[in-house]
C-alpha atoms as a PDB file:
ATOM      1  CA  UNK A   1      53.494 -54.012  -5.959  1.00  0.00           C
ATOM      2  CA  UNK A   2      50.303 -53.831  -8.382  1.00  0.00           C
ATOM      3  CA  UNK A   3      49.239 -56.550 -10.580  1.00  0.00           C
ATOM      4  CA  UNK A   4      47.831 -56.388 -13.869  1.00  0.00           C
ATOM      5  CA  UNK A   5      45.538 -59.402 -13.341  1.00  0.00           C
ATOM      6  CA  UNK A   6      44.898 -62.124 -10.395  1.00  0.00           C
ATOM      7  CA  UNK A   7      42.590 -65.414  -9.607  1.00  0.00           C
ATOM      8  CA  UNK A   8      42.376 -67.396  -6.970  1.00  0.00           C
ATOM      9  CA  UNK A   9      40.694 -70.998  -6.296  1.00  0.00           C
ATOM     10  CA  UNK A  10      40.237 -73.456  -4.002  1.00  0.00           C
ATOM     11  CA  UNK A  11      39.319 -77.113  -4.129  1.00  0.00           C
ATOM     12  CA  UNK A  12      39.398 -80.533  -2.055  1.00  0.00           C
ATOM     13  CA  UNK A  13      42.626 -82.269  -2.133  1.00  0.00           C
ATOM     14  CA  UNK A  14      41.444 -84.934  -4.416  1.00  0.00           C
ATOM     15  CA  UNK A  15      43.236 -86.566  -7.401  1.00  0.00           C
ATOM     16  CA  UNK A  16      41.139 -85.803  -9.893  1.00  0.00           C
ATOM     17  CA  UNK A  17      40.931 -82.038  -9.147  1.00  0.00           C
ATOM     18  CA  UNK A  18      44.906 -82.005 -10.107  1.00  0.00           C
ATOM     19  CA  UNK A  19      44.042 -81.724 -13.849  1.00  0.00           C
ATOM     20  CA  UNK A  20      41.390 -78.878 -13.044  1.00  0.00           C
ATOM     21  CA  UNK A  21      44.072 -76.761 -11.509  1.00  0.00           C
ATOM     22  CA  UNK A  22      46.350 -77.655 -14.331  1.00  0.00           C
ATOM     23  CA  UNK A  23      44.013 -76.222 -16.990  1.00  0.00           C
ATOM     24  CA  UNK A  24      42.774 -73.493 -14.828  1.00  0.00           C
ATOM     25  CA  UNK A  25      46.259 -71.832 -14.595  1.00  0.00           C
ATOM     26  CA  UNK A  26      47.111 -72.496 -18.017  1.00  0.00           C
ATOM     27  CA  UNK A  27      43.596 -70.857 -18.971  1.00  0.00           C
ATOM     28  CA  UNK A  28      44.546 -67.851 -16.916  1.00  0.00           C
ATOM     29  CA  UNK A  29      48.070 -67.663 -18.433  1.00  0.00           C
ATOM     30  CA  UNK A  30      46.891 -67.621 -21.888  1.00  0.00           C
ATOM     31  CA  UNK A  31      46.577 -63.832 -21.865  1.00  0.00           C
ATOM     32  CA  UNK A  32      50.233 -63.612 -21.644  1.00  0.00           C
ATOM     33  CA  UNK A  33      50.192 -65.166 -25.164  1.00  0.00           C
ATOM     34  CA  UNK A  34      52.420 -68.247 -24.142  1.00  0.00           C
ATOM     35  CA  UNK A  35      54.059 -70.534 -26.704  1.00  0.00           C
ATOM     36  CA  UNK A  36      53.048 -74.066 -26.511  1.00  0.00           C
ATOM     37  CA  UNK A  37      56.041 -74.813 -24.460  1.00  0.00           C
ATOM     38  CA  UNK A  38      55.641 -72.087 -21.764  1.00  0.00           C
ATOM     39  CA  UNK A  39      52.103 -73.574 -21.215  1.00  0.00           C
ATOM     40  CA  UNK A  40      53.405 -77.084 -20.996  1.00  0.00           C
ATOM     41  CA  UNK A  41      55.914 -75.919 -18.621  1.00  0.00           C
ATOM     42  CA  UNK A  42      53.218 -74.211 -16.685  1.00  0.00           C
ATOM     43  CA  UNK A  43      51.076 -77.157 -16.361  1.00  0.00           C
ATOM     44  CA  UNK A  44      53.740 -79.613 -15.611  1.00  0.00           C
ATOM     45  CA  UNK A  45      54.750 -77.114 -12.505  1.00  0.00           C
ATOM     46  CA  UNK A  46      51.098 -77.063 -11.197  1.00  0.00           C
ATOM     47  CA  UNK A  47      50.818 -80.842 -11.596  1.00  0.00           C
ATOM     48  CA  UNK A  48      53.495 -81.354  -9.653  1.00  0.00           C
ATOM     49  CA  UNK A  49      52.695 -78.899  -7.039  1.00  0.00           C
ATOM     50  CA  UNK A  50      48.910 -79.905  -6.596  1.00  0.00           C
ATOM     51  CA  UNK A  51      49.921 -83.718  -6.400  1.00  0.00           C
ATOM     52  CA  UNK A  52      52.516 -83.105  -3.684  1.00  0.00           C
ATOM     53  CA  UNK A  53      50.010 -81.083  -1.643  1.00  0.00           C
ATOM     54  CA  UNK A  54      47.208 -83.666  -2.209  1.00  0.00           C
ATOM     55  CA  UNK A  55      49.728 -86.858  -1.588  1.00  0.00           C
ATOM     56  CA  UNK A  56      52.113 -85.458   0.930  1.00  0.00           C
ATOM     57  CA  UNK A  57      50.218 -82.578   2.590  1.00  0.00           C
ATOM     58  CA  UNK A  58      46.816 -84.488   2.847  1.00  0.00           C
ATOM     59  CA  UNK A  59      47.862 -88.021   2.837  1.00  0.00           C
ATOM     60  CA  UNK A  60      44.618 -89.916   3.272  1.00  0.00           C
ATOM     61  CA  UNK A  61      42.548 -87.017   4.499  1.00  0.00           C
ATOM     62  CA  UNK A  62      40.939 -84.258   2.852  1.00  0.00           C
ATOM     63  CA  UNK A  63      41.619 -80.712   2.825  1.00  0.00           C
ATOM     64  CA  UNK A  64      41.699 -77.617   0.539  1.00  0.00           C
ATOM     65  CA  UNK A  65      44.315 -76.785  -1.846  1.00  0.00           C
ATOM     66  CA  UNK A  66      44.693 -73.002  -2.818  1.00  0.00           C
ATOM     67  CA  UNK A  67      45.972 -71.668  -6.118  1.00  0.00           C
ATOM     68  CA  UNK A  68      46.731 -68.251  -6.564  1.00  0.00           C
ATOM     69  CA  UNK A  69      47.883 -66.551  -9.664  1.00  0.00           C
ATOM     70  CA  UNK A  70      49.314 -63.016 -10.345  1.00  0.00           C
ATOM     71  CA  UNK A  71      50.316 -61.470 -13.752  1.00  0.00           C
ATOM     72  CA  UNK A  72      52.510 -58.454 -13.504  1.00  0.00           C
ATOM     73  CA  UNK A  73      53.807 -57.681 -17.010  1.00  0.00           C
ATOM     74  CA  UNK A  74      55.540 -60.690 -18.576  1.00  0.00           C
ATOM     75  CA  UNK A  75      55.531 -62.541 -15.205  1.00  0.00           C
ATOM     76  CA  UNK A  76      53.309 -64.996 -14.045  1.00  0.00           C
ATOM     77  CA  UNK A  77      53.475 -65.845 -10.191  1.00  0.00           C
ATOM     78  CA  UNK A  78      51.829 -69.172  -9.013  1.00  0.00           C
ATOM     79  CA  UNK A  79      51.141 -69.736  -5.525  1.00  0.00           C
ATOM     80  CA  UNK A  80      50.101 -73.114  -4.186  1.00  0.00           C
ATOM     81  CA  UNK A  81      49.074 -73.457  -0.579  1.00  0.00           C
ATOM     82  CA  UNK A  82      47.970 -76.488   1.563  1.00  0.00           C
ATOM     83  CA  UNK A  83      47.047 -76.460   5.752  1.00  0.00           C
ATOM     84  CA  UNK A  84      48.474 -80.516   5.779  1.00  0.00           C
ATOM     85  CA  UNK A  85      51.373 -82.127   7.442  1.00  0.00           C
ATOM     86  CA  UNK A  86      53.970 -79.810   6.427  1.00  0.00           C
ATOM     87  CA  UNK A  87      57.503 -80.509   5.397  1.00  0.00           C
ATOM     88  CA  UNK A  88      59.963 -81.505   8.028  1.00  0.00           C
ATOM     89  CA  UNK A  89      62.954 -80.210   5.966  1.00  0.00           C
ATOM     90  CA  UNK A  90      62.389 -78.377   3.000  1.00  0.00           C
ATOM     91  CA  UNK A  91      66.079 -78.376   1.490  1.00  0.00           C
ATOM     92  CA  UNK A  92      66.002 -82.430   2.024  1.00  0.00           C
ATOM     93  CA  UNK A  93      62.819 -82.661   0.172  1.00  0.00           C
ATOM     94  CA  UNK A  94      63.963 -80.315  -2.470  1.00  0.00           C
ATOM     95  CA  UNK A  95      66.927 -82.492  -3.639  1.00  0.00           C
ATOM     96  CA  UNK A  96      66.344 -85.020  -6.685  1.00  0.00           C
ATOM     97  CA  UNK A  97      65.182 -88.343  -6.035  1.00  0.00           C
ATOM     98  CA  UNK A  98      64.108 -87.712  -2.400  1.00  0.00           C
ATOM     99  CA  UNK A  99      60.844 -89.075  -1.550  1.00  0.00           C
ATOM    100  CA  UNK A 100      58.924 -89.683   1.999  1.00  0.00           C
ATOM    101  CA  UNK A 101      56.695 -92.364   0.322  1.00  0.00           C
ATOM    102  CA  UNK A 102      59.001 -94.780  -1.658  1.00  0.00           C
ATOM    103  CA  UNK A 103      56.025 -97.004  -1.059  1.00  0.00           C
ATOM    104  CA  UNK A 104      53.849 -95.526  -3.588  1.00  0.00           C
ATOM    105  CA  UNK A 105      56.427 -95.553  -6.444  1.00  0.00           C
ATOM    106  CA  UNK A 106      57.078 -92.072  -6.404  1.00  0.00           C
ATOM    107  CA  UNK A 107      60.181 -90.730  -8.660  1.00  0.00           C
ATOM    108  CA  UNK A 108      61.181 -87.679  -5.731  1.00  0.00           C
ATOM    109  CA  UNK A 109      61.646 -85.243  -8.748  1.00  0.00           C
ATOM    110  CA  UNK A 110      58.534 -83.159  -8.122  1.00  0.00           C
ATOM    111  CA  UNK A 111      60.587 -80.065  -7.063  1.00  0.00           C
ATOM    112  CA  UNK A 112      63.122 -80.717  -9.223  1.00  0.00           C
ATOM    113  CA  UNK A 113      60.916 -80.690 -12.118  1.00  0.00           C
ATOM    114  CA  UNK A 114      59.412 -77.570 -10.670  1.00  0.00           C
ATOM    115  CA  UNK A 115      62.385 -75.992 -10.922  1.00  0.00           C
ATOM    116  CA  UNK A 116      63.382 -76.834 -14.500  1.00  0.00           C
ATOM    117  CA  UNK A 117      60.262 -75.577 -15.861  1.00  0.00           C
ATOM    118  CA  UNK A 118      59.634 -72.369 -13.646  1.00  0.00           C
ATOM    119  CA  UNK A 119      62.204 -69.246 -13.470  1.00  0.00           C
ATOM    120  CA  UNK A 120      61.544 -68.977  -9.747  1.00  0.00           C
ATOM    121  CA  UNK A 121      60.342 -71.361  -7.143  1.00  0.00           C
ATOM    122  CA  UNK A 122      60.402 -71.142  -3.076  1.00  0.00           C
ATOM    123  CA  UNK A 123      59.095 -73.187  -0.509  1.00  0.00           C
ATOM    124  CA  UNK A 124      57.942 -72.489   2.982  1.00  0.00           C
ATOM    125  CA  UNK A 125      56.481 -74.999   5.218  1.00  0.00           C
ATOM    126  CA  UNK A 126      55.774 -75.704   8.779  1.00  0.00           C
ATOM    127  CA  UNK A 127      54.930 -79.039  10.194  1.00  0.00           C
ATOM    128  CA  UNK A 128      51.445 -79.639  10.906  1.00  0.00           C
ATOM    129  CA  UNK A 129      50.649 -76.177   9.331  1.00  0.00           C
ATOM    130  CA  UNK A 130      51.071 -76.650   5.753  1.00  0.00           C
ATOM    131  CA  UNK A 131      53.234 -75.671   2.736  1.00  0.00           C
ATOM    132  CA  UNK A 132      53.462 -72.772   0.258  1.00  0.00           C
ATOM    133  CA  UNK A 133      55.133 -73.010  -3.268  1.00  0.00           C
ATOM    134  CA  UNK A 134      55.569 -69.708  -4.880  1.00  0.00           C
ATOM    135  CA  UNK A 135      56.581 -70.395  -8.322  1.00  0.00           C
ATOM    136  CA  UNK A 136      57.217 -67.385 -11.147  1.00  0.00           C
ATOM    137  CA  UNK A 137      57.301 -67.950 -15.291  1.00  0.00           C
ATOM    138  CA  UNK A 138      58.607 -65.039 -17.299  1.00  0.00           C
ATOM    139  CA  UNK A 139      57.152 -64.862 -20.780  1.00  0.00           C
ATOM    140  CA  UNK A 140      59.196 -64.052 -23.790  1.00  0.00           C
ATOM    141  CA  UNK A 141      56.476 -63.085 -26.023  1.00  0.00           C
ATOM    142  CA  UNK A 142      55.808 -60.072 -24.446  1.00  0.00           C
ATOM    143  CA  UNK A 143      58.570 -57.266 -24.282  1.00  0.00           C
ATOM    144  CA  UNK A 144      57.363 -55.794 -21.030  1.00  0.00           C
ATOM    145  CA  UNK A 145      59.620 -55.594 -17.878  1.00  0.00           C
END
């Protein structure tokens, strides 16, 4: 598959980098002439995915979070990866209100939010090796298939 554009960034799993990732992905997506709603959807989904990597993937340690974006026609593919703890049961983790950190007053809605705002989401994870979240957003403003 040939992509029209591509970018990749890596950063430390520190909470202050979540906003950085959100803005970088939104800026990259801007070439697709998104609506304000589409940009908001992307920023929200990226925030949730990156926050999951930081809080759940690396817990109290620091590691790398990688964000890759690919544009093909009117589709933006976003891949967020970490090499952290991994998820024991992805299906369970994707259930609304499930949280592995209730002491942090987490709502357990991260994956639900991602599914709501993106057109596709896939989660791959292996314990002690990390997690990859792949999300796709289709833009209505471009009449390209």
